[in-house]
Amino acid sequence: MFEVLSAVLAFLMILGLTFINGFWLITLDELELDHLNPADVCKRLNKVVVPEMVVLSLLLLACMLGWAPWVLLLNIPIAVYHGKKFSQNQHFLDPTEILRFKNLKASRNEAIAKTVFFGLQIIYGMYWMVSAIITSSVRKPLT
């Protein structure tokens, strides 16, 4: 039963991470198209930096407790990357720096890569969730 709960929560967290990174991508595109100014973009995106790190940490915890080694191994490099950015105090965006072409392009490529990565993880998360539900229902004795 605990494996089912962790699989369902992990699947929901993967969905959340996909939507957060999709939000990043859409917001950066709005900046690139001049629909938003850099201060508004940084204010919006900086609000979701810490929740993204927290959700990723909870996903790793759910994968350890529910024993999903593949999801755990796939997400450890992203967690290390977030930890490195956090330790170097580079996890928040700066409105004066975001419009530099190199910074905007790097942020946009990072958002695209993470959105695709978590989008592909949705497939495995769904497989893990369904197999955990089926396995737990098979183990239950019929009364």
Protein backbone atom coordinates (compact mmCIF):
# COMPACT_ATOMS: atom_id res chain seq x y z
CA MET A 1 0.00 0.00 0.00
CA PHE A 2 2.86 2.36 0.80
CA GLU A 3 4.38 1.72 -2.63
CA VAL A 4 1.10 2.74 -4.28
CA LEU A 5 0.95 5.94 -2.26
CA SER A 6 4.54 6.86 -3.09
CA ALA A 7 4.01 6.04 -6.78
CA VAL A 8 0.89 8.20 -7.00
CA LEU A 9 2.58 11.08 -5.15
CA ALA A 10 5.68 10.76 -7.32
CA PHE A 11 3.54 10.84 -10.46
CA LEU A 12 1.78 13.99 -9.24
CA MET A 13 5.13 15.59 -8.39
CA ILE A 14 6.49 14.77 -11.85
CA LEU A 15 3.40 16.41 -13.34
CA GLY A 16 3.97 19.45 -11.13
CA LEU A 17 7.61 19.73 -12.16
CA THR A 18 6.61 19.48 -15.82
CA PHE A 19 4.12 22.30 -15.41
CA ILE A 20 6.58 24.47 -13.46
CA ASN A 21 9.19 24.12 -16.19
CA GLY A 22 6.55 24.72 -18.86
CA PHE A 23 5.68 27.93 -17.00
CA TRP A 24 9.36 28.89 -17.10
CA LEU A 25 9.46 28.29 -20.83
CA ILE A 26 6.30 30.29 -21.54
CA THR A 27 7.43 33.18 -19.35
CA LEU A 28 10.85 33.33 -21.00
CA ASP A 29 9.19 33.29 -24.42
CA GLU A 30 7.01 36.22 -23.35
CA LEU A 31 10.17 38.09 -22.38
CA GLU A 32 11.79 37.26 -25.69
CA LEU A 33 8.73 38.53 -27.57
CA ASP A 34 8.63 41.75 -25.48
CA HIS A 35 5.27 40.99 -23.87
CA LEU A 36 6.79 41.29 -20.38
CA ASN A 37 9.60 43.36 -18.97
CA PRO A 38 12.60 41.72 -17.27
CA ALA A 39 11.56 42.76 -13.76
CA ASP A 40 8.14 41.08 -14.12
CA VAL A 41 9.68 37.95 -15.59
CA CYS A 42 12.21 37.63 -12.78
CA LYS A 43 9.53 38.30 -10.16
CA ARG A 44 7.33 35.55 -11.63
CA LEU A 45 10.08 33.01 -12.11
CA ASN A 46 11.82 33.61 -8.79
CA LYS A 47 8.56 32.70 -7.03
CA VAL A 48 8.73 29.14 -8.41
CA VAL A 49 12.45 28.43 -7.88
CA VAL A 50 12.19 27.26 -4.28
CA PRO A 51 8.94 25.28 -4.82
CA GLU A 52 10.60 23.48 -7.73
CA MET A 53 13.54 22.51 -5.51
CA VAL A 54 11.23 21.37 -2.72
CA VAL A 55 9.07 19.28 -5.08
CA LEU A 56 12.17 17.70 -6.60
CA SER A 57 13.46 16.85 -3.11
CA LEU A 58 10.11 15.31 -2.19
CA LEU A 59 10.16 13.34 -5.44
CA LEU A 60 13.57 11.93 -4.57
CA LEU A 61 12.29 11.03 -1.11
CA ALA A 62 9.20 9.31 -2.55
CA CYS A 63 11.42 7.38 -4.97
CA MET A 64 13.66 6.22 -2.14
CA LEU A 65 10.75 5.19 0.09
CA GLY A 66 8.79 3.54 -2.72
CA TRP A 67 11.94 2.05 -4.20
CA ALA A 68 11.91 3.34 -7.76
CA PRO A 69 15.64 3.28 -8.52
CA TRP A 70 15.32 4.40 -12.13
CA VAL A 71 13.40 7.56 -11.29
CA LEU A 72 15.78 8.19 -8.42
CA LEU A 73 18.87 7.79 -10.60
CA LEU A 74 17.40 9.96 -13.34
CA ASN A 75 16.60 12.81 -10.96
CA ILE A 76 19.81 12.85 -8.92
CA PRO A 77 21.76 14.84 -11.58
CA ILE A 78 19.04 17.51 -11.64
CA ALA A 79 19.07 17.66 -7.84
CA VAL A 80 22.86 18.04 -7.86
CA TYR A 81 22.55 20.79 -10.49
CA HIS A 82 19.97 22.63 -8.36
CA GLY A 83 22.16 22.18 -5.28
CA LYS A 84 25.16 23.59 -7.13
CA LYS A 85 23.18 26.62 -8.29
CA PHE A 86 21.84 27.12 -4.75
CA SER A 87 25.28 26.87 -3.13
CA GLN A 88 26.71 29.39 -5.61
CA ASN A 89 23.70 31.69 -5.03
CA GLN A 90 22.75 31.57 -8.73
CA HIS A 91 19.29 30.07 -8.32
CA PHE A 92 17.41 33.38 -8.64
CA LEU A 93 17.21 35.40 -11.84
CA ASP A 94 18.48 38.96 -11.96
CA PRO A 95 16.45 41.49 -14.03
CA THR A 96 19.60 43.32 -15.11
CA GLU A 97 21.27 40.14 -16.36
CA ILE A 98 18.36 38.22 -17.92
CA LEU A 99 18.25 40.23 -21.14
CA ARG A 100 21.79 39.37 -22.08
CA PHE A 101 21.49 37.03 -25.02
CA LYS A 102 23.67 34.34 -23.46
CA ASN A 103 21.71 34.32 -20.18
CA LEU A 104 18.30 34.33 -21.85
CA LYS A 105 19.30 31.59 -24.27
CA ALA A 106 20.82 29.47 -21.48
CA SER A 107 17.72 29.86 -19.30
CA ARG A 108 15.46 29.04 -22.22
CA ASN A 109 17.48 25.93 -23.18
CA GLU A 110 17.48 24.79 -19.55
CA ALA A 111 13.69 25.19 -19.38
CA ILE A 112 13.22 23.28 -22.64
CA ALA A 113 15.49 20.44 -21.53
CA LYS A 114 13.85 20.08 -18.12
CA THR A 115 10.34 20.27 -19.59
CA VAL A 116 11.13 17.51 -22.09
CA PHE A 117 12.90 15.47 -19.41
CA PHE A 118 9.99 15.62 -16.98
CA GLY A 119 7.52 15.13 -19.83
CA LEU A 120 9.24 11.85 -20.67
CA GLN A 121 9.30 10.93 -17.00
CA ILE A 122 5.51 11.19 -16.94
CA ILE A 123 5.42 8.01 -19.02
CA TYR A 124 7.59 6.05 -16.59
CA GLY A 125 5.79 7.58 -13.60
CA MET A 126 2.47 6.42 -15.01
CA TYR A 127 3.90 2.93 -15.60
CA TRP A 128 5.25 2.82 -12.03
CA MET A 129 1.94 3.99 -10.60
CA VAL A 130 -0.17 1.49 -12.55
CA SER A 131 2.18 -1.43 -11.85
CA ALA A 132 2.21 -0.56 -8.13
CA ILE A 133 -1.59 -0.49 -8.06
CA ILE A 134 -1.84 -3.82 -9.89
CA THR A 135 0.83 -5.44 -7.72
CA SER A 136 -0.84 -4.30 -4.51
CA SER A 137 -4.25 -5.51 -5.65
CA VAL A 138 -2.85 -8.93 -6.62
CA ARG A 139 -1.22 -9.34 -3.20
CA LYS A 140 -4.46 -8.71 -1.32
CA PRO A 141 -6.23 -11.87 -0.25
CA LEU A 142 -9.79 -12.22 -1.45
CA THR A 143 -12.29 -12.25 1.39
